[in-house]
PDB file of all heavy atoms in Angstrom:
ATOM      1  N   GLY A   1     112.465 175.907  69.056  1.00  0.00           N
ATOM      2  CA  GLY A   1     111.673 175.761  70.273  1.00  0.00           C
ATOM      3  C   GLY A   1     111.105 177.094  70.749  1.00  0.00           C
ATOM      4  O   GLY A   1     111.321 178.154  70.184  1.00  0.00           O
ATOM      5  N   TYR A   2     110.290 176.926  71.757  1.00  0.00           N
ATOM      6  CA  TYR A   2     109.658 178.116  72.397  1.00  0.00           C
ATOM      7  C   TYR A   2     109.673 177.861  73.900  1.00  0.00           C
ATOM      8  O   TYR A   2     109.419 176.774  74.371  1.00  0.00           O
ATOM      9  CB  TYR A   2     108.230 178.230  71.893  1.00  0.00           C
ATOM     10  CG  TYR A   2     107.434 179.288  72.679  1.00  0.00           C
ATOM     11  CD1 TYR A   2     107.581 180.647  72.360  1.00  0.00           C
ATOM     12  CD2 TYR A   2     106.556 178.902  73.693  1.00  0.00           C
ATOM     13  CE1 TYR A   2     106.838 181.588  73.055  1.00  0.00           C
ATOM     14  CE2 TYR A   2     105.833 179.883  74.394  1.00  0.00           C
ATOM     15  CZ  TYR A   2     105.984 181.204  74.080  1.00  0.00           C
ATOM     16  OH  TYR A   2     105.272 182.161  74.801  1.00  0.00           O
ATOM     17  N   ARG A   3     110.045 178.990  74.643  1.00  0.00           N
ATOM     18  CA  ARG A   3     109.971 178.850  76.124  1.00  0.00           C
ATOM     19  C   ARG A   3     109.501 180.174  76.698  1.00  0.00           C
ATOM     20  O   ARG A   3     109.584 181.239  76.081  1.00  0.00           O
ATOM     21  CB  ARG A   3     111.376 178.539  76.662  1.00  0.00           C
ATOM     22  CG  ARG A   3     112.396 179.645  76.616  1.00  0.00           C
ATOM     23  CD  ARG A   3     113.746 179.204  77.104  1.00  0.00           C
ATOM     24  NE  ARG A   3     114.716 180.308  77.109  1.00  0.00           N
ATOM     25  CZ  ARG A   3     114.948 181.118  78.115  1.00  0.00           C
ATOM     26  NH1 ARG A   3     114.268 180.992  79.273  1.00  0.00           N
ATOM     27  NH2 ARG A   3     115.827 182.090  78.036  1.00  0.00           N
ATOM     28  N   ILE A   4     108.958 180.058  77.861  1.00  0.00           N
ATOM     29  CA  ILE A   4     108.486 181.240  78.577  1.00  0.00           C
ATOM     30  C   ILE A   4     108.860 181.064  80.046  1.00  0.00           C
ATOM     31  O   ILE A   4     108.622 180.003  80.643  1.00  0.00           O
ATOM     32  CB  ILE A   4     106.980 181.442  78.381  1.00  0.00           C
ATOM     33  CG1 ILE A   4     106.517 182.775  79.021  1.00  0.00           C
ATOM     34  CG2 ILE A   4     106.168 180.243  78.878  1.00  0.00           C
ATOM     35  CD1 ILE A   4     105.099 183.153  78.633  1.00  0.00           C
ATOM     36  N   GLY A   5     109.420 182.102  80.629  1.00  0.00           N
ATOM     37  CA  GLY A   5     109.794 182.053  82.007  1.00  0.00           C
ATOM     38  C   GLY A   5     109.291 183.335  82.722  1.00  0.00           C
ATOM     39  O   GLY A   5     109.623 184.443  82.378  1.00  0.00           O
ATOM     40  N   ARG A   6     108.418 183.133  83.734  1.00  0.00           N
ATOM     41  CA  ARG A   6     107.836 184.213  84.469  1.00  0.00           C
ATOM     42  C   ARG A   6     108.025 184.016  85.948  1.00  0.00           C
ATOM     43  O   ARG A   6     108.193 182.909  86.408  1.00  0.00           O
ATOM     44  CB  ARG A   6     106.339 184.339  84.150  1.00  0.00           C
ATOM     45  CG  ARG A   6     106.070 184.741  82.685  1.00  0.00           C
ATOM     46  CD  ARG A   6     104.586 184.808  82.450  1.00  0.00           C
ATOM     47  NE  ARG A   6     104.270 185.210  81.071  1.00  0.00           N
ATOM     48  CZ  ARG A   6     103.071 185.286  80.543  1.00  0.00           C
ATOM     49  NH1 ARG A   6     102.013 184.928  81.321  1.00  0.00           N
ATOM     50  NH2 ARG A   6     102.882 185.669  79.311  1.00  0.00           N
ATOM     51  N   GLY A   7     107.998 185.161  86.652  1.00  0.00           N
ATOM     52  CA  GLY A   7     108.097 185.072  88.119  1.00  0.00           C
ATOM     53  C   GLY A   7     109.280 185.907  88.615  1.00  0.00           C
ATOM     54  O   GLY A   7     109.854 186.726  87.930  1.00  0.00           O
ATOM     55  N   ASP A   8     109.605 185.625  89.871  1.00  0.00           N
ATOM     56  CA  ASP A   8     110.739 186.295  90.523  1.00  0.00           C
ATOM     57  C   ASP A   8     111.930 185.347  90.528  1.00  0.00           C
ATOM     58  O   ASP A   8     111.966 184.410  91.339  1.00  0.00           O
ATOM     59  CB  ASP A   8     110.323 186.547  91.992  1.00  0.00           C
ATOM     60  CG  ASP A   8     110.489 188.026  92.343  1.00  0.00           C
ATOM     61  OD1 ASP A   8     111.091 188.701  91.518  1.00  0.00           O
ATOM     62  OD2 ASP A   8     110.017 188.375  93.409  1.00  0.00           O
ATOM     63  N   PHE A   9     112.882 185.565  89.646  1.00  0.00           N
ATOM     64  CA  PHE A   9     114.018 184.624  89.495  1.00  0.00           C
ATOM     65  C   PHE A   9     115.203 185.006  90.333  1.00  0.00           C
ATOM     66  O   PHE A   9     115.410 186.223  90.621  1.00  0.00           O
ATOM     67  CB  PHE A   9     114.456 184.591  88.021  1.00  0.00           C
ATOM     68  CG  PHE A   9     113.507 183.813  87.153  1.00  0.00           C
ATOM     69  CD1 PHE A   9     112.438 184.449  86.512  1.00  0.00           C
ATOM     70  CD2 PHE A   9     113.677 182.474  86.913  1.00  0.00           C
ATOM     71  CE1 PHE A   9     111.570 183.786  85.713  1.00  0.00           C
ATOM     72  CE2 PHE A   9     112.804 181.769  86.109  1.00  0.00           C
ATOM     73  CZ  PHE A   9     111.724 182.401  85.503  1.00  0.00           C
ATOM     74  N   GLU A  10     115.963 184.049  90.764  1.00  0.00           N
ATOM     75  CA  GLU A  10     117.172 184.290  91.487  1.00  0.00           C
ATOM     76  C   GLU A  10     118.087 185.115  90.577  1.00  0.00           C
ATOM     77  O   GLU A  10     118.108 184.969  89.363  1.00  0.00           O
ATOM     78  CB  GLU A  10     117.892 182.969  91.835  1.00  0.00           C
ATOM     79  CG  GLU A  10     117.061 182.066  92.758  1.00  0.00           C
ATOM     80  CD  GLU A  10     116.077 181.149  92.032  1.00  0.00           C
ATOM     81  OE1 GLU A  10     115.730 181.505  90.900  1.00  0.00           O
ATOM     82  OE2 GLU A  10     115.692 180.141  92.586  1.00  0.00           O
ATOM     83  N   PRO A  11     118.880 186.014  91.195  1.00  0.00           N
ATOM     84  CA  PRO A  11     119.808 186.853  90.363  1.00  0.00           C
ATOM     85  C   PRO A  11     120.703 186.016  89.510  1.00  0.00           C
ATOM     86  O   PRO A  11     121.129 186.476  88.437  1.00  0.00           O
ATOM     87  CB  PRO A  11     120.545 187.656  91.418  1.00  0.00           C
ATOM     88  CG  PRO A  11     119.634 187.686  92.623  1.00  0.00           C
ATOM     89  CD  PRO A  11     118.943 186.367  92.626  1.00  0.00           C
ATOM     90  N   TRP A  12     121.083 184.870  90.001  1.00  0.00           N
ATOM     91  CA  TRP A  12     122.048 184.052  89.226  1.00  0.00           C
ATOM     92  C   TRP A  12     121.324 183.207  88.168  1.00  0.00           C
ATOM     93  O   TRP A  12     121.959 182.489  87.426  1.00  0.00           O
ATOM     94  CB  TRP A  12     122.854 183.167  90.167  1.00  0.00           C
ATOM     95  CG  TRP A  12     122.017 182.366  91.118  1.00  0.00           C
ATOM     96  CD1 TRP A  12     121.471 181.124  90.939  1.00  0.00           C
ATOM     97  CD2 TRP A  12     121.610 182.783  92.412  1.00  0.00           C
ATOM     98  NE1 TRP A  12     120.779 180.730  92.017  1.00  0.00           N
ATOM     99  CE2 TRP A  12     120.842 181.719  92.978  1.00  0.00           C
ATOM    100  CE3 TRP A  12     121.799 183.946  93.222  1.00  0.00           C
ATOM    101  CZ2 TRP A  12     120.288 181.765  94.260  1.00  0.00           C
ATOM    102  CZ3 TRP A  12     121.260 183.991  94.478  1.00  0.00           C
ATOM    103  CH2 TRP A  12     120.531 182.921  94.996  1.00  0.00           C
ATOM    104  N   TYR A  13     119.995 183.284  88.081  1.00  0.00           N
ATOM    105  CA  TYR A  13     119.221 182.538  87.068  1.00  0.00           C
ATOM    106  C   TYR A  13     118.369 183.438  86.205  1.00  0.00           C
ATOM    107  O   TYR A  13     117.340 183.043  85.684  1.00  0.00           O
ATOM    108  CB  TYR A  13     118.279 181.480  87.767  1.00  0.00           C
ATOM    109  CG  TYR A  13     118.964 180.231  88.247  1.00  0.00           C
ATOM    110  CD1 TYR A  13     118.538 179.589  89.377  1.00  0.00           C
ATOM    111  CD2 TYR A  13     120.055 179.725  87.525  1.00  0.00           C
ATOM    112  CE1 TYR A  13     119.160 178.440  89.820  1.00  0.00           C
ATOM    113  CE2 TYR A  13     120.678 178.569  87.988  1.00  0.00           C
ATOM    114  CZ  TYR A  13     120.242 177.936  89.123  1.00  0.00           C
ATOM    115  OH  TYR A  13     120.870 176.803  89.563  1.00  0.00           O
ATOM    116  N   LEU A  14     118.827 184.706  86.041  1.00  0.00           N
ATOM    117  CA  LEU A  14     118.006 185.631  85.255  1.00  0.00           C
ATOM    118  C   LEU A  14     117.879 185.224  83.783  1.00  0.00           C
ATOM    119  O   LEU A  14     116.970 185.680  83.105  1.00  0.00           O
ATOM    120  CB  LEU A  14     118.621 187.031  85.389  1.00  0.00           C
ATOM    121  CG  LEU A  14     118.499 187.688  86.762  1.00  0.00           C
ATOM    122  CD1 LEU A  14     119.178 189.052  86.747  1.00  0.00           C
ATOM    123  CD2 LEU A  14     117.045 187.784  87.218  1.00  0.00           C
ATOM    124  N   GLU A  15     118.780 184.379  83.311  1.00  0.00           N
ATOM    125  CA  GLU A  15     118.696 183.958  81.909  1.00  0.00           C
ATOM    126  C   GLU A  15     117.465 183.049  81.680  1.00  0.00           C
ATOM    127  O   GLU A  15     117.021 182.886  80.540  1.00  0.00           O
ATOM    128  CB  GLU A  15     119.949 183.197  81.455  1.00  0.00           C
ATOM    129  CG  GLU A  15     120.101 181.792  81.962  1.00  0.00           C
ATOM    130  CD  GLU A  15     120.622 181.757  83.400  1.00  0.00           C
ATOM    131  OE1 GLU A  15     120.905 182.825  83.965  1.00  0.00           O
ATOM    132  OE2 GLU A  15     120.765 180.639  83.963  1.00  0.00           O
ATOM    133  N   ARG A  16     116.894 182.548  82.732  1.00  0.00           N
ATOM    134  CA  ARG A  16     115.684 181.737  82.584  1.00  0.00           C
ATOM    135  C   ARG A  16     114.439 182.585  82.360  1.00  0.00           C
ATOM    136  O   ARG A  16     113.419 182.085  81.930  1.00  0.00           O
ATOM    137  CB  ARG A  16     115.462 180.893  83.846  1.00  0.00           C
ATOM    138  CG  ARG A  16     116.565 179.852  84.054  1.00  0.00           C
ATOM    139  CD  ARG A  16     116.306 179.059  85.341  1.00  0.00           C
ATOM    140  NE  ARG A  16     117.336 178.034  85.527  1.00  0.00           N
ATOM    141  CZ  ARG A  16     117.351 177.195  86.588  1.00  0.00           C
ATOM    142  NH1 ARG A  16     116.378 177.314  87.502  1.00  0.00           N
ATOM    143  NH2 ARG A  16     118.262 176.289  86.669  1.00  0.00           N
ATOM    144  N   GLN A  17     114.553 183.843  82.604  1.00  0.00           N
ATOM    145  CA  GLN A  17     113.393 184.759  82.458  1.00  0.00           C
ATOM    146  C   GLN A  17     113.292 185.163  80.977  1.00  0.00           C
ATOM    147  O   GLN A  17     114.274 185.322  80.241  1.00  0.00           O
ATOM    148  CB  GLN A  17     113.585 185.986  83.312  1.00  0.00           C
ATOM    149  CG  GLN A  17     112.397 186.877  83.415  1.00  0.00           C
ATOM    150  CD  GLN A  17     112.642 188.051  84.389  1.00  0.00           C
ATOM    151  OE1 GLN A  17     113.784 188.523  84.503  1.00  0.00           O
ATOM    152  NE2 GLN A  17     111.607 188.527  85.057  1.00  0.00           N
ATOM    153  N   THR A  18     112.048 185.348  80.545  1.00  0.00           N
ATOM    154  CA  THR A  18     111.808 185.822  79.178  1.00  0.00           C
ATOM    155  C   THR A  18     110.871 187.030  79.229  1.00  0.00           C
ATOM    156  O   THR A  18     110.285 187.338  80.274  1.00  0.00           O
ATOM    157  CB  THR A  18     111.151 184.704  78.308  1.00  0.00           C
ATOM    158  OG1 THR A  18     109.842 184.424  78.841  1.00  0.00           O
ATOM    159  CG2 THR A  18     112.013 183.425  78.317  1.00  0.00           C
ATOM    160  N   ASN A  19     110.716 187.671  78.070  1.00  0.00           N
ATOM    161  CA  ASN A  19     109.676 188.703  77.966  1.00  0.00           C
ATOM    162  C   ASN A  19     108.309 188.043  78.120  1.00  0.00           C
ATOM    163  O   ASN A  19     108.198 186.803  78.078  1.00  0.00           O
ATOM    164  CB  ASN A  19     109.795 189.409  76.634  1.00  0.00           C
ATOM    165  CG  ASN A  19     110.993 190.369  76.632  1.00  0.00           C
ATOM    166  OD1 ASN A  19     111.610 190.669  77.642  1.00  0.00           O
ATOM    167  ND2 ASN A  19     111.317 190.873  75.424  1.00  0.00           N
ATOM    168  N   ASP A  20     107.274 188.865  78.183  1.00  0.00           N
ATOM    169  CA  ASP A  20     105.944 188.364  78.427  1.00  0.00           C
ATOM    170  C   ASP A  20     105.487 187.399  77.351  1.00  0.00           C
ATOM    171  O   ASP A  20     104.748 186.429  77.615  1.00  0.00           O
ATOM    172  CB  ASP A  20     104.967 189.512  78.560  1.00  0.00           C
ATOM    173  CG  ASP A  20     105.130 190.244  79.904  1.00  0.00           C
ATOM    174  OD1 ASP A  20     105.784 189.671  80.804  1.00  0.00           O
ATOM    175  OD2 ASP A  20     104.624 191.378  80.047  1.00  0.00           O
ATOM    176  N   GLY A  21     105.902 187.645  76.114  1.00  0.00           N
ATOM    177  CA  GLY A  21     105.464 186.737  75.003  1.00  0.00           C
ATOM    178  C   GLY A  21     106.284 185.494  74.831  1.00  0.00           C
ATOM    179  O   GLY A  21     105.979 184.656  74.005  1.00  0.00           O
ATOM    180  N   GLY A  22     107.365 185.368  75.627  1.00  0.00           N
ATOM    181  CA  GLY A  22     108.215 184.196  75.536  1.00  0.00           C
ATOM    182  C   GLY A  22     109.364 184.331  74.534  1.00  0.00           C
ATOM    183  O   GLY A  22     109.549 185.425  73.928  1.00  0.00           O
ATOM    184  N   GLU A  23     110.130 183.272  74.395  1.00  0.00           N
ATOM    185  CA  GLU A  23     111.310 183.333  73.507  1.00  0.00           C
ATOM    186  C   GLU A  23     111.188 182.205  72.467  1.00  0.00           C
ATOM    187  O   GLU A  23     110.897 181.057  72.765  1.00  0.00           O
ATOM    188  CB  GLU A  23     112.563 183.114  74.351  1.00  0.00           C
ATOM    189  CG  GLU A  23     113.849 183.030  73.525  1.00  0.00           C
ATOM    190  CD  GLU A  23     115.024 182.572  74.323  1.00  0.00           C
ATOM    191  OE1 GLU A  23     115.185 181.320  74.447  1.00  0.00           O
ATOM    192  OE2 GLU A  23     115.764 183.414  74.873  1.00  0.00           O
ATOM    193  N   PHE A  24     111.510 182.564  71.206  1.00  0.00           N
ATOM    194  CA  PHE A  24     111.571 181.583  70.117  1.00  0.00           C
ATOM    195  C   PHE A  24     113.044 181.314  69.796  1.00  0.00           C
ATOM    196  O   PHE A  24     113.873 182.215  69.808  1.00  0.00           O
ATOM    197  CB  PHE A  24     110.860 182.111  68.877  1.00  0.00           C
ATOM    198  CG  PHE A  24     109.356 182.178  69.043  1.00  0.00           C
ATOM    199  CD1 PHE A  24     108.742 183.347  69.510  1.00  0.00           C
ATOM    200  CD2 PHE A  24     108.589 181.054  68.770  1.00  0.00           C
ATOM    201  CE1 PHE A  24     107.383 183.376  69.659  1.00  0.00           C
ATOM    202  CE2 PHE A  24     107.191 181.107  68.902  1.00  0.00           C
ATOM    203  CZ  PHE A  24     106.602 182.269  69.372  1.00  0.00           C
ATOM    204  N   LYS A  25     113.298 180.070  69.430  1.00  0.00           N
ATOM    205  CA  LYS A  25     114.668 179.648  69.145  1.00  0.00           C
ATOM    206  C   LYS A  25     114.723 178.806  67.925  1.00  0.00           C
ATOM    207  O   LYS A  25     113.850 177.986  67.681  1.00  0.00           O
ATOM    208  CB  LYS A  25     115.234 178.845  70.344  1.00  0.00           C
ATOM    209  CG  LYS A  25     116.659 178.301  70.117  1.00  0.00           C
ATOM    210  CD  LYS A  25     117.177 177.591  71.389  1.00  0.00           C
ATOM    211  CE  LYS A  25     116.389 176.363  71.633  1.00  0.00           C
ATOM    212  NZ  LYS A  25     116.961 175.532  72.745  1.00  0.00           N
ATOM    213  N   LEU A  26     115.735 178.974  67.075  1.00  0.00           N
ATOM    214  CA  LEU A  26     115.915 178.154  65.869  1.00  0.00           C
ATOM    215  C   LEU A  26     117.410 177.987  65.603  1.00  0.00           C
ATOM    216  O   LEU A  26     118.172 178.977  65.713  1.00  0.00           O
ATOM    217  CB  LEU A  26     115.263 178.875  64.660  1.00  0.00           C
ATOM    218  CG  LEU A  26     115.314 178.086  63.340  1.00  0.00           C
ATOM    219  CD1 LEU A  26     114.494 176.804  63.440  1.00  0.00           C
ATOM    220  CD2 LEU A  26     114.805 178.942  62.183  1.00  0.00           C
ATOM    221  N   GLY A  27     117.834 176.734  65.307  1.00  0.00           N
ATOM    222  CA  GLY A  27     119.269 176.496  65.138  1.00  0.00           C
ATOM    223  C   GLY A  27     119.558 175.216  64.430  1.00  0.00           C
ATOM    224  O   GLY A  27     118.666 174.459  64.044  1.00  0.00           O
ATOM    225  N   MET A  28     120.848 174.940  64.213  1.00  0.00           N
ATOM    226  CA  MET A  28     121.320 173.757  63.526  1.00  0.00           C
ATOM    227  C   MET A  28     122.683 173.326  64.066  1.00  0.00           C
ATOM    228  O   MET A  28     123.491 174.175  64.371  1.00  0.00           O
ATOM    229  CB  MET A  28     121.420 174.029  62.027  1.00  0.00           C
ATOM    230  CG  MET A  28     121.938 172.839  61.197  1.00  0.00           C
ATOM    231  SD  MET A  28     121.930 173.159  59.420  1.00  0.00           S
ATOM    232  CE  MET A  28     123.181 174.442  59.343  1.00  0.00           C
ATOM    233  N   ARG A  29     122.836 172.002  64.253  1.00  0.00           N
ATOM    234  CA  ARG A  29     124.116 171.457  64.707  1.00  0.00           C
ATOM    235  C   ARG A  29     124.628 170.513  63.607  1.00  0.00           C
ATOM    236  O   ARG A  29     123.876 169.639  63.131  1.00  0.00           O
ATOM    237  CB  ARG A  29     123.890 170.687  65.992  1.00  0.00           C
ATOM    238  CG  ARG A  29     125.233 170.253  66.642  1.00  0.00           C
ATOM    239  CD  ARG A  29     124.963 169.462  67.917  1.00  0.00           C
ATOM    240  NE  ARG A  29     126.173 169.141  68.644  1.00  0.00           N
ATOM    241  CZ  ARG A  29     126.683 169.783  69.658  1.00  0.00           C
ATOM    242  NH1 ARG A  29     126.056 170.868  70.142  1.00  0.00           N
ATOM    243  NH2 ARG A  29     127.775 169.378  70.274  1.00  0.00           N
ATOM    244  N   VAL A  30     125.887 170.692  63.182  1.00  0.00           N
ATOM    245  CA  VAL A  30     126.437 169.946  62.059  1.00  0.00           C
ATOM    246  C   VAL A  30     127.818 169.351  62.494  1.00  0.00           C
ATOM    247  O   VAL A  30     128.678 170.091  63.012  1.00  0.00           O
ATOM    248  CB  VAL A  30     126.649 170.856  60.839  1.00  0.00           C
ATOM    249  CG1 VAL A  30     127.310 170.053  59.682  1.00  0.00           C
ATOM    250  CG2 VAL A  30     125.320 171.433  60.396  1.00  0.00           C
ATOM    251  N   PRO A  31     128.013 168.038  62.265  1.00  0.00           N
ATOM    252  CA  PRO A  31     129.307 167.450  62.552  1.00  0.00           C
ATOM    253  C   PRO A  31     130.315 167.778  61.424  1.00  0.00           C
ATOM    254  O   PRO A  31     129.948 167.763  60.233  1.00  0.00           O
ATOM    255  CB  PRO A  31     129.019 165.945  62.604  1.00  0.00           C
ATOM    256  CG  PRO A  31     127.839 165.748  61.714  1.00  0.00           C
ATOM    257  CD  PRO A  31     127.022 167.022  61.866  1.00  0.00           C
ATOM    258  N   LEU A  32     131.578 168.045  61.813  1.00  0.00           N
ATOM    259  CA  LEU A  32     132.605 168.361  60.831  1.00  0.00           C
ATOM    260  C   LEU A  32     133.535 167.190  60.582  1.00  0.00           C
ATOM    261  O   LEU A  32     134.131 167.121  59.497  1.00  0.00           O
ATOM    262  CB  LEU A  32     133.379 169.571  61.261  1.00  0.00           C
ATOM    263  CG  LEU A  32     132.556 170.868  61.461  1.00  0.00           C
ATOM    264  CD1 LEU A  32     133.456 172.010  61.949  1.00  0.00           C
ATOM    265  CD2 LEU A  32     131.838 171.255  60.204  1.00  0.00           C
ATOM    266  N   LEU A  33     133.724 166.291  61.553  1.00  0.00           N
ATOM    267  CA  LEU A  33     134.620 165.115  61.394  1.00  0.00           C
ATOM    268  C   LEU A  33     133.841 163.833  61.674  1.00  0.00           C
ATOM    269  O   LEU A  33     133.296 163.247  60.711  1.00  0.00           O
ATOM    270  CB  LEU A  33     135.833 165.282  62.323  1.00  0.00           C
ATOM    271  CG  LEU A  33     136.873 166.337  61.920  1.00  0.00           C
ATOM    272  CD1 LEU A  33     138.002 166.411  62.937  1.00  0.00           C
ATOM    273  CD2 LEU A  33     137.448 166.042  60.527  1.00  0.00           C
ATOM    274  N   ARG A  34     133.791 163.451  62.914  1.00  0.00           N
ATOM    275  CA  ARG A  34     133.082 162.232  63.270  1.00  0.00           C
ATOM    276  C   ARG A  34     131.564 162.423  63.040  1.00  0.00           C
ATOM    277  O   ARG A  34     131.017 163.497  63.321  1.00  0.00           O
ATOM    278  CB  ARG A  34     133.334 161.906  64.722  1.00  0.00           C
ATOM    279  CG  ARG A  34     132.801 160.550  65.213  1.00  0.00           C
ATOM    280  CD  ARG A  34     133.287 160.251  66.577  1.00  0.00           C
ATOM    281  NE  ARG A  34     132.837 158.919  67.041  1.00  0.00           N
ATOM    282  CZ  ARG A  34     131.738 158.679  67.748  1.00  0.00           C
ATOM    283  NH1 ARG A  34     130.976 159.717  68.148  1.00  0.00           N
ATOM    284  NH2 ARG A  34     131.393 157.485  68.115  1.00  0.00           N
ATOM    285  N   ASN A  35     130.943 161.410  62.511  1.00  0.00           N
ATOM    286  CA  ASN A  35     129.497 161.398  62.191  1.00  0.00           C
ATOM    287  C   ASN A  35     129.119 162.242  60.997  1.00  0.00           C
ATOM    288  O   ASN A  35     127.931 162.478  60.754  1.00  0.00           O
ATOM    289  CB  ASN A  35     128.672 161.861  63.402  1.00  0.00           C
ATOM    290  CG  ASN A  35     128.775 160.897  64.571  1.00  0.00           C
ATOM    291  OD1 ASN A  35     129.053 159.713  64.406  1.00  0.00           O
ATOM    292  ND2 ASN A  35     128.623 161.426  65.784  1.00  0.00           N
ATOM    293  N   ARG A  36     130.125 162.676  60.226  1.00  0.00           N
ATOM    294  CA  ARG A  36     129.801 163.475  59.025  1.00  0.00           C
ATOM    295  C   ARG A  36     129.372 162.520  57.859  1.00  0.00           C
ATOM    296  O   ARG A  36     128.350 162.715  57.229  1.00  0.00           O
ATOM    297  CB  ARG A  36     130.954 164.337  58.611  1.00  0.00           C
ATOM    298  CG  ARG A  36     130.680 165.169  57.358  1.00  0.00           C
ATOM    299  CD  ARG A  36     131.816 166.107  57.038  1.00  0.00           C
ATOM    300  NE  ARG A  36     131.546 166.862  55.813  1.00  0.00           N
ATOM    301  CZ  ARG A  36     130.859 167.947  55.726  1.00  0.00           C
ATOM    302  NH1 ARG A  36     130.278 168.416  56.838  1.00  0.00           N
ATOM    303  NH2 ARG A  36     130.651 168.555  54.574  1.00  0.00           N
ATOM    304  N   GLU A  37     130.219 161.511  57.591  1.00  0.00           N
ATOM    305  CA  GLU A  37     129.952 160.582  56.485  1.00  0.00           C
ATOM    306  C   GLU A  37     129.005 159.460  56.910  1.00  0.00           C
ATOM    307  O   GLU A  37     128.284 158.904  56.075  1.00  0.00           O
ATOM    308  CB  GLU A  37     131.257 160.008  55.939  1.00  0.00           C
ATOM    309  CG  GLU A  37     132.214 161.060  55.367  1.00  0.00           C
ATOM    310  CD  GLU A  37     131.624 161.787  54.193  1.00  0.00           C
ATOM    311  OE1 GLU A  37     130.801 161.174  53.471  1.00  0.00           O
ATOM    312  OE2 GLU A  37     131.989 162.958  53.972  1.00  0.00           O
ATOM    313  N   ILE A  38     129.080 159.063  58.167  1.00  0.00           N
ATOM    314  CA  ILE A  38     128.275 157.985  58.710  1.00  0.00           C
ATOM    315  C   ILE A  38     128.068 158.174  60.180  1.00  0.00           C
ATOM    316  O   ILE A  38     128.944 158.740  60.850  1.00  0.00           O
ATOM    317  CB  ILE A  38     128.926 156.599  58.409  1.00  0.00           C
ATOM    318  CG1 ILE A  38     128.003 155.445  58.836  1.00  0.00           C
ATOM    319  CG2 ILE A  38     130.270 156.494  59.091  1.00  0.00           C
ATOM    320  CD1 ILE A  38     128.509 154.073  58.440  1.00  0.00           C
ATOM    321  N   ASP A  39     126.944 157.805  60.698  1.00  0.00           N
ATOM    322  CA  ASP A  39     126.680 157.828  62.119  1.00  0.00           C
ATOM    323  C   ASP A  39     125.822 156.656  62.472  1.00  0.00           C
ATOM    324  O   ASP A  39     125.454 155.838  61.603  1.00  0.00           O
ATOM    325  CB  ASP A  39     126.013 159.184  62.540  1.00  0.00           C
ATOM    326  CG  ASP A  39     124.755 159.465  61.775  1.00  0.00           C
ATOM    327  OD1 ASP A  39     124.161 158.527  61.214  1.00  0.00           O
ATOM    328  OD2 ASP A  39     124.342 160.637  61.661  1.00  0.00           O
ATOM    329  N   ASN A  40     125.479 156.547  63.743  1.00  0.00           N
ATOM    330  CA  ASN A  40     124.721 155.375  64.181  1.00  0.00           C
ATOM    331  C   ASN A  40     123.373 155.258  63.465  1.00  0.00           C
ATOM    332  O   ASN A  40     122.934 154.139  63.117  1.00  0.00           O
ATOM    333  CB  ASN A  40     124.491 155.418  65.693  1.00  0.00           C
ATOM    334  CG  ASN A  40     125.792 155.238  66.470  1.00  0.00           C
ATOM    335  OD1 ASN A  40     126.739 154.643  65.959  1.00  0.00           O
ATOM    336  ND2 ASN A  40     125.826 155.785  67.662  1.00  0.00           N
ATOM    337  N   ARG A  41     122.736 156.374  63.253  1.00  0.00           N
ATOM    338  CA  ARG A  41     121.411 156.345  62.617  1.00  0.00           C
ATOM    339  C   ARG A  41     121.514 155.823  61.181  1.00  0.00           C
ATOM    340  O   ARG A  41     120.763 154.903  60.772  1.00  0.00           O
ATOM    341  CB  ARG A  41     120.764 157.735  62.618  1.00  0.00           C
ATOM    342  CG  ARG A  41     120.321 158.199  63.969  1.00  0.00           C
ATOM    343  CD  ARG A  41     119.568 159.528  63.877  1.00  0.00           C
ATOM    344  NE  ARG A  41     120.471 160.557  63.412  1.00  0.00           N
ATOM    345  CZ  ARG A  41     120.668 161.738  64.089  1.00  0.00           C
ATOM    346  NH1 ARG A  41     120.043 161.917  65.226  1.00  0.00           N
ATOM    347  NH2 ARG A  41     121.459 162.660  63.628  1.00  0.00           N
ATOM    348  N   ARG A  42     122.456 156.386  60.407  1.00  0.00           N
ATOM    349  CA  ARG A  42     122.579 155.918  59.031  1.00  0.00           C
ATOM    350  C   ARG A  42     123.143 154.527  58.936  1.00  0.00           C
ATOM    351  O   ARG A  42     122.740 153.715  58.058  1.00  0.00           O
ATOM    352  CB  ARG A  42     123.542 156.890  58.285  1.00  0.00           C
ATOM    353  CG  ARG A  42     122.811 158.144  57.837  1.00  0.00           C
ATOM    354  CD  ARG A  42     123.784 159.128  57.201  1.00  0.00           C
ATOM    355  NE  ARG A  42     124.636 159.792  58.209  1.00  0.00           N
ATOM    356  CZ  ARG A  42     125.618 160.630  57.948  1.00  0.00           C
ATOM    357  NH1 ARG A  42     125.909 160.886  56.675  1.00  0.00           N
ATOM    358  NH2 ARG A  42     126.334 161.203  58.909  1.00  0.00           N
ATOM    359  N   ALA A  43     124.023 154.142  59.866  1.00  0.00           N
ATOM    360  CA  ALA A  43     124.578 152.818  59.840  1.00  0.00           C
ATOM    361  C   ALA A  43     123.461 151.763  60.084  1.00  0.00           C
ATOM    362  O   ALA A  43     123.386 150.757  59.365  1.00  0.00           O
ATOM    363  CB  ALA A  43     125.652 152.650  60.923  1.00  0.00           C
ATOM    364  N   GLU A  44     122.588 151.979  61.032  1.00  0.00           N
ATOM    365  CA  GLU A  44     121.471 151.067  61.275  1.00  0.00           C
ATOM    366  C   GLU A  44     120.557 151.011  60.073  1.00  0.00           C
ATOM    367  O   GLU A  44     120.066 149.932  59.717  1.00  0.00           O
ATOM    368  CB  GLU A  44     120.705 151.454  62.530  1.00  0.00           C
ATOM    369  CG  GLU A  44     121.434 151.214  63.814  1.00  0.00           C
ATOM    370  CD  GLU A  44     121.736 149.728  64.038  1.00  0.00           C
ATOM    371  OE1 GLU A  44     120.870 148.886  63.671  1.00  0.00           O
ATOM    372  OE2 GLU A  44     122.826 149.381  64.482  1.00  0.00           O
ATOM    373  N   LEU A  45     120.256 152.127  59.457  1.00  0.00           N
ATOM    374  CA  LEU A  45     119.414 152.133  58.243  1.00  0.00           C
ATOM    375  C   LEU A  45     120.011 151.366  57.127  1.00  0.00           C
ATOM    376  O   LEU A  45     119.367 150.583  56.445  1.00  0.00           O
ATOM    377  CB  LEU A  45     119.133 153.585  57.867  1.00  0.00           C
ATOM    378  CG  LEU A  45     118.312 153.785  56.588  1.00  0.00           C
ATOM    379  CD1 LEU A  45     116.970 153.133  56.698  1.00  0.00           C
ATOM    380  CD2 LEU A  45     118.182 155.274  56.263  1.00  0.00           C
TER     381      LEU A  45
END
């Protein structure tokens, strides 16, 4: 994803602020037990 946060942020919400060019994000979520061999999507398919 990509996000950009500009303006005057509350001190407790400074993590919402980004540099002028914004922030890029890339990641992956993997199940280790439940939903590893089968999940709702694969079951319906």
